[in-house]
Amino acid sequence: MNEESFYEPAIRRGDTQYGDGYTEKLFERMNKLDPDFSMMFQKMVHGGLYDRDVIPHKIREFCAISALLVTGRFDQMKGHLTAAHNYGAEDKEILEVIFQMFTYTGAPAVLEALKIYEQWIEGGHSMSGFGSAED
């Protein structure tokens, strides 16, 4: 991939959130599918919204975990558990965010999220996602 295929602020933010190399791999895969969409995504999400400093990044990740849990997007949640951890969230804080969602979504979703959380802990805080090595 040539360098014009990557938006550097998106790569930097992604490396901070998910670990070195994750977003480059993600964007390489997206570039193969549709380079224009990939660049739009890079600029809007990783190099845009995720790169803002209005709220602390740890809080931003708590919001993402909550939203993904409530909407049942458990496959994506593991990446945001990792990002929250990389921004300094303690395991007990992340677990509390999951518990808090019981009020809004009920036991089935929280129990499913707890399975994801346990897998994430047992896997050494590792993640999966469209750009990870596991996919």
C-alpha atoms as a PDB file:
ATOM      1  CA  MET A   1       0.000   0.000   0.000  1.00  0.00           C
ATOM      2  CA  ASN A   2       1.299   3.437  -0.777  1.00  0.00           C
ATOM      3  CA  GLU A   3       1.324   6.112   1.903  1.00  0.00           C
ATOM      4  CA  GLU A   4      -1.483   8.029   0.208  1.00  0.00           C
ATOM      5  CA  SER A   5      -3.768   5.175   1.284  1.00  0.00           C
ATOM      6  CA  PHE A   6      -3.445   6.151   4.931  1.00  0.00           C
ATOM      7  CA  TYR A   7      -4.464   9.228   6.893  1.00  0.00           C
ATOM      8  CA  GLU A   8      -1.577   9.599   9.355  1.00  0.00           C
ATOM      9  CA  PRO A   9      -3.638  11.011  12.287  1.00  0.00           C
ATOM     10  CA  ALA A  10      -5.895   7.944  12.002  1.00  0.00           C
ATOM     11  CA  ILE A  11      -2.904   5.596  12.117  1.00  0.00           C
ATOM     12  CA  ARG A  12      -1.470   7.379  15.186  1.00  0.00           C
ATOM     13  CA  ARG A  13      -4.792   7.338  17.058  1.00  0.00           C
ATOM     14  CA  GLY A  14      -5.412   3.696  16.171  1.00  0.00           C
ATOM     15  CA  ASP A  15      -1.954   2.643  17.336  1.00  0.00           C
ATOM     16  CA  THR A  16      -2.603   4.372  20.660  1.00  0.00           C
ATOM     17  CA  GLN A  17      -6.034   2.814  21.058  1.00  0.00           C
ATOM     18  CA  TYR A  18      -5.504  -0.700  19.782  1.00  0.00           C
ATOM     19  CA  GLY A  19      -1.765  -1.265  19.575  1.00  0.00           C
ATOM     20  CA  ASP A  20       0.884  -0.781  16.902  1.00  0.00           C
ATOM     21  CA  GLY A  21      -0.092  -1.973  13.470  1.00  0.00           C
ATOM     22  CA  TYR A  22      -3.800  -2.605  14.044  1.00  0.00           C
ATOM     23  CA  THR A  23      -5.206   0.321  12.103  1.00  0.00           C
ATOM     24  CA  GLU A  24      -2.733  -0.006   9.250  1.00  0.00           C
ATOM     25  CA  LYS A  25      -3.879  -3.605   8.796  1.00  0.00           C
ATOM     26  CA  LEU A  26      -7.515  -2.514   9.113  1.00  0.00           C
ATOM     27  CA  PHE A  27      -7.106   0.195   6.494  1.00  0.00           C
ATOM     28  CA  GLU A  28      -5.168  -2.098   4.149  1.00  0.00           C
ATOM     29  CA  ARG A  29      -8.156  -4.450   4.212  1.00  0.00           C
ATOM     30  CA  MET A  30     -10.605  -1.589   3.745  1.00  0.00           C
ATOM     31  CA  ASN A  31      -8.495  -0.143   0.908  1.00  0.00           C
ATOM     32  CA  LYS A  32      -8.787  -3.435  -0.978  1.00  0.00           C
ATOM     33  CA  LEU A  33     -12.575  -3.242  -0.737  1.00  0.00           C
ATOM     34  CA  ASP A  34     -12.996   0.465  -1.473  1.00  0.00           C
ATOM     35  CA  PRO A  35     -10.154   3.016  -1.129  1.00  0.00           C
ATOM     36  CA  ASP A  36     -12.499   6.023  -1.145  1.00  0.00           C
ATOM     37  CA  PHE A  37     -14.630   4.634   1.678  1.00  0.00           C
ATOM     38  CA  SER A  38     -11.489   3.659   3.577  1.00  0.00           C
ATOM     39  CA  MET A  39     -10.126   7.218   3.453  1.00  0.00           C
ATOM     40  CA  MET A  40     -13.500   8.670   4.443  1.00  0.00           C
ATOM     41  CA  PHE A  41     -13.649   6.257   7.395  1.00  0.00           C
ATOM     42  CA  GLN A  42     -10.064   7.055   8.408  1.00  0.00           C
ATOM     43  CA  LYS A  43     -10.705  10.794   8.416  1.00  0.00           C
ATOM     44  CA  MET A  44     -14.116  10.644  10.089  1.00  0.00           C
ATOM     45  CA  VAL A  45     -13.602   7.941  12.699  1.00  0.00           C
ATOM     46  CA  HIS A  46     -10.009   7.304  13.752  1.00  0.00           C
ATOM     47  CA  GLY A  47      -8.537  10.589  12.560  1.00  0.00           C
ATOM     48  CA  GLY A  48     -11.677  12.593  13.361  1.00  0.00           C
ATOM     49  CA  LEU A  49     -14.043  11.664  16.169  1.00  0.00           C
ATOM     50  CA  TYR A  50     -11.591   9.404  17.995  1.00  0.00           C
ATOM     51  CA  ASP A  51      -8.881  12.065  17.770  1.00  0.00           C
ATOM     52  CA  ARG A  52     -10.857  14.804  19.535  1.00  0.00           C
ATOM     53  CA  ASP A  53      -9.768  15.876  23.022  1.00  0.00           C
ATOM     54  CA  VAL A  54     -13.077  17.291  24.302  1.00  0.00           C
ATOM     55  CA  ILE A  55     -13.545  14.387  26.735  1.00  0.00           C
ATOM     56  CA  PRO A  56     -10.843  12.060  28.031  1.00  0.00           C
ATOM     57  CA  HIS A  57     -10.229   9.103  25.729  1.00  0.00           C
ATOM     58  CA  LYS A  58     -10.909   6.645  28.545  1.00  0.00           C
ATOM     59  CA  ILE A  59     -14.415   8.135  28.933  1.00  0.00           C
ATOM     60  CA  ARG A  60     -14.893   8.042  25.152  1.00  0.00           C
ATOM     61  CA  GLU A  61     -14.150   4.312  25.262  1.00  0.00           C
ATOM     62  CA  PHE A  62     -16.583   3.789  28.145  1.00  0.00           C
ATOM     63  CA  CYS A  63     -19.221   5.408  25.907  1.00  0.00           C
ATOM     64  CA  ALA A  64     -18.283   3.061  23.061  1.00  0.00           C
ATOM     65  CA  ILE A  65     -18.442  -0.021  25.304  1.00  0.00           C
ATOM     66  CA  SER A  66     -21.857   1.056  26.588  1.00  0.00           C
ATOM     67  CA  ALA A  67     -23.239   1.750  23.127  1.00  0.00           C
ATOM     68  CA  LEU A  68     -21.923  -1.515  21.706  1.00  0.00           C
ATOM     69  CA  LEU A  69     -23.353  -3.485  24.610  1.00  0.00           C
ATOM     70  CA  VAL A  70     -26.785  -1.835  24.390  1.00  0.00           C
ATOM     71  CA  THR A  71     -26.964  -2.352  20.622  1.00  0.00           C
ATOM     72  CA  GLY A  72     -25.697  -5.947  20.822  1.00  0.00           C
ATOM     73  CA  ARG A  73     -22.497  -5.352  18.851  1.00  0.00           C
ATOM     74  CA  PHE A  74     -20.455  -7.685  21.036  1.00  0.00           C
ATOM     75  CA  ASP A  75     -17.883  -8.557  18.351  1.00  0.00           C
ATOM     76  CA  GLN A  76     -16.772  -4.917  18.246  1.00  0.00           C
ATOM     77  CA  MET A  77     -16.847  -4.507  22.023  1.00  0.00           C
ATOM     78  CA  LYS A  78     -13.599  -6.428  22.630  1.00  0.00           C
ATOM     79  CA  GLY A  79     -11.603  -3.845  20.666  1.00  0.00           C
ATOM     80  CA  HIS A  80     -13.024  -1.060  22.787  1.00  0.00           C
ATOM     81  CA  LEU A  81     -12.269  -2.968  25.989  1.00  0.00           C
ATOM     82  CA  THR A  82      -8.654  -2.974  24.801  1.00  0.00           C
ATOM     83  CA  ALA A  83      -8.771   0.703  23.868  1.00  0.00           C
ATOM     84  CA  ALA A  84     -10.200   1.649  27.289  1.00  0.00           C
ATOM     85  CA  HIS A  85      -7.454  -0.407  28.931  1.00  0.00           C
ATOM     86  CA  ASN A  86      -4.816   1.293  26.753  1.00  0.00           C
ATOM     87  CA  TYR A  87      -6.148   4.667  27.921  1.00  0.00           C
ATOM     88  CA  GLY A  88      -5.681   3.705  31.569  1.00  0.00           C
ATOM     89  CA  ALA A  89      -9.012   2.138  32.515  1.00  0.00           C
ATOM     90  CA  GLU A  90      -8.721  -0.462  35.224  1.00  0.00           C
ATOM     91  CA  ASP A  91     -10.425  -3.819  34.737  1.00  0.00           C
ATOM     92  CA  LYS A  92     -12.830  -3.061  37.600  1.00  0.00           C
ATOM     93  CA  GLU A  93     -13.848   0.228  35.932  1.00  0.00           C
ATOM     94  CA  ILE A  94     -14.593  -1.516  32.656  1.00  0.00           C
ATOM     95  CA  LEU A  95     -16.564  -4.184  34.502  1.00  0.00           C
ATOM     96  CA  GLU A  96     -18.564  -1.477  36.263  1.00  0.00           C
ATOM     97  CA  VAL A  97     -19.475   0.083  32.899  1.00  0.00           C
ATOM     98  CA  ILE A  98     -20.830  -3.316  31.830  1.00  0.00           C
ATOM     99  CA  PHE A  99     -22.776  -3.695  35.096  1.00  0.00           C
ATOM    100  CA  GLN A 100     -24.227  -0.187  34.696  1.00  0.00           C
ATOM    101  CA  MET A 101     -25.799  -1.187  31.377  1.00  0.00           C
ATOM    102  CA  PHE A 102     -28.043  -3.708  33.186  1.00  0.00           C
ATOM    103  CA  THR A 103     -30.370  -0.802  33.945  1.00  0.00           C
ATOM    104  CA  TYR A 104     -30.720   0.087  30.265  1.00  0.00           C
ATOM    105  CA  THR A 105     -30.583  -3.241  28.483  1.00  0.00           C
ATOM    106  CA  GLY A 106     -31.264  -6.052  30.970  1.00  0.00           C
ATOM    107  CA  ALA A 107     -29.675  -9.316  32.018  1.00  0.00           C
ATOM    108  CA  PRO A 108     -29.300 -11.097  28.640  1.00  0.00           C
ATOM    109  CA  ALA A 109     -27.140  -8.379  27.092  1.00  0.00           C
ATOM    110  CA  VAL A 110     -25.085  -7.884  30.242  1.00  0.00           C
ATOM    111  CA  LEU A 111     -24.495 -11.640  30.549  1.00  0.00           C
ATOM    112  CA  GLU A 112     -23.350 -11.757  26.915  1.00  0.00           C
ATOM    113  CA  ALA A 113     -21.050  -8.787  27.528  1.00  0.00           C
ATOM    114  CA  LEU A 114     -19.638 -10.516  30.611  1.00  0.00           C
ATOM    115  CA  LYS A 115     -18.712 -13.515  28.430  1.00  0.00           C
ATOM    116  CA  ILE A 116     -16.838 -11.167  26.093  1.00  0.00           C
ATOM    117  CA  TYR A 117     -15.176  -9.472  29.069  1.00  0.00           C
ATOM    118  CA  GLU A 118     -14.070 -12.836  30.516  1.00  0.00           C
ATOM    119  CA  GLN A 119     -12.644 -13.936  27.156  1.00  0.00           C
ATOM    120  CA  TRP A 120     -10.823 -10.629  26.906  1.00  0.00           C
ATOM    121  CA  ILE A 121      -9.339 -10.984  30.416  1.00  0.00           C
ATOM    122  CA  GLU A 122      -8.419 -14.643  29.853  1.00  0.00           C
ATOM    123  CA  GLY A 123      -6.820 -13.682  26.531  1.00  0.00           C
ATOM    124  CA  GLY A 124      -4.530 -11.177  28.233  1.00  0.00           C
ATOM    125  CA  HIS A 125      -6.525  -8.088  27.213  1.00  0.00           C
ATOM    126  CA  SER A 126      -6.249  -9.046  23.546  1.00  0.00           C
ATOM    127  CA  MET A 127      -8.786  -7.959  21.007  1.00  0.00           C
ATOM    128  CA  SER A 128     -10.331  -9.017  17.773  1.00  0.00           C
ATOM    129  CA  GLY A 129     -11.778  -6.933  15.019  1.00  0.00           C
ATOM    130  CA  PHE A 130     -11.658  -6.367  11.305  1.00  0.00           C
ATOM    131  CA  GLY A 131      -8.008  -5.296  11.440  1.00  0.00           C
ATOM    132  CA  SER A 132      -6.660  -7.788  13.963  1.00  0.00           C
ATOM    133  CA  ALA A 133      -4.479 -10.789  13.281  1.00  0.00           C
ATOM    134  CA  GLU A 134      -7.245 -13.145  14.457  1.00  0.00           C
ATOM    135  CA  ASP A 135      -9.493 -12.228  11.524  1.00  0.00           C
END
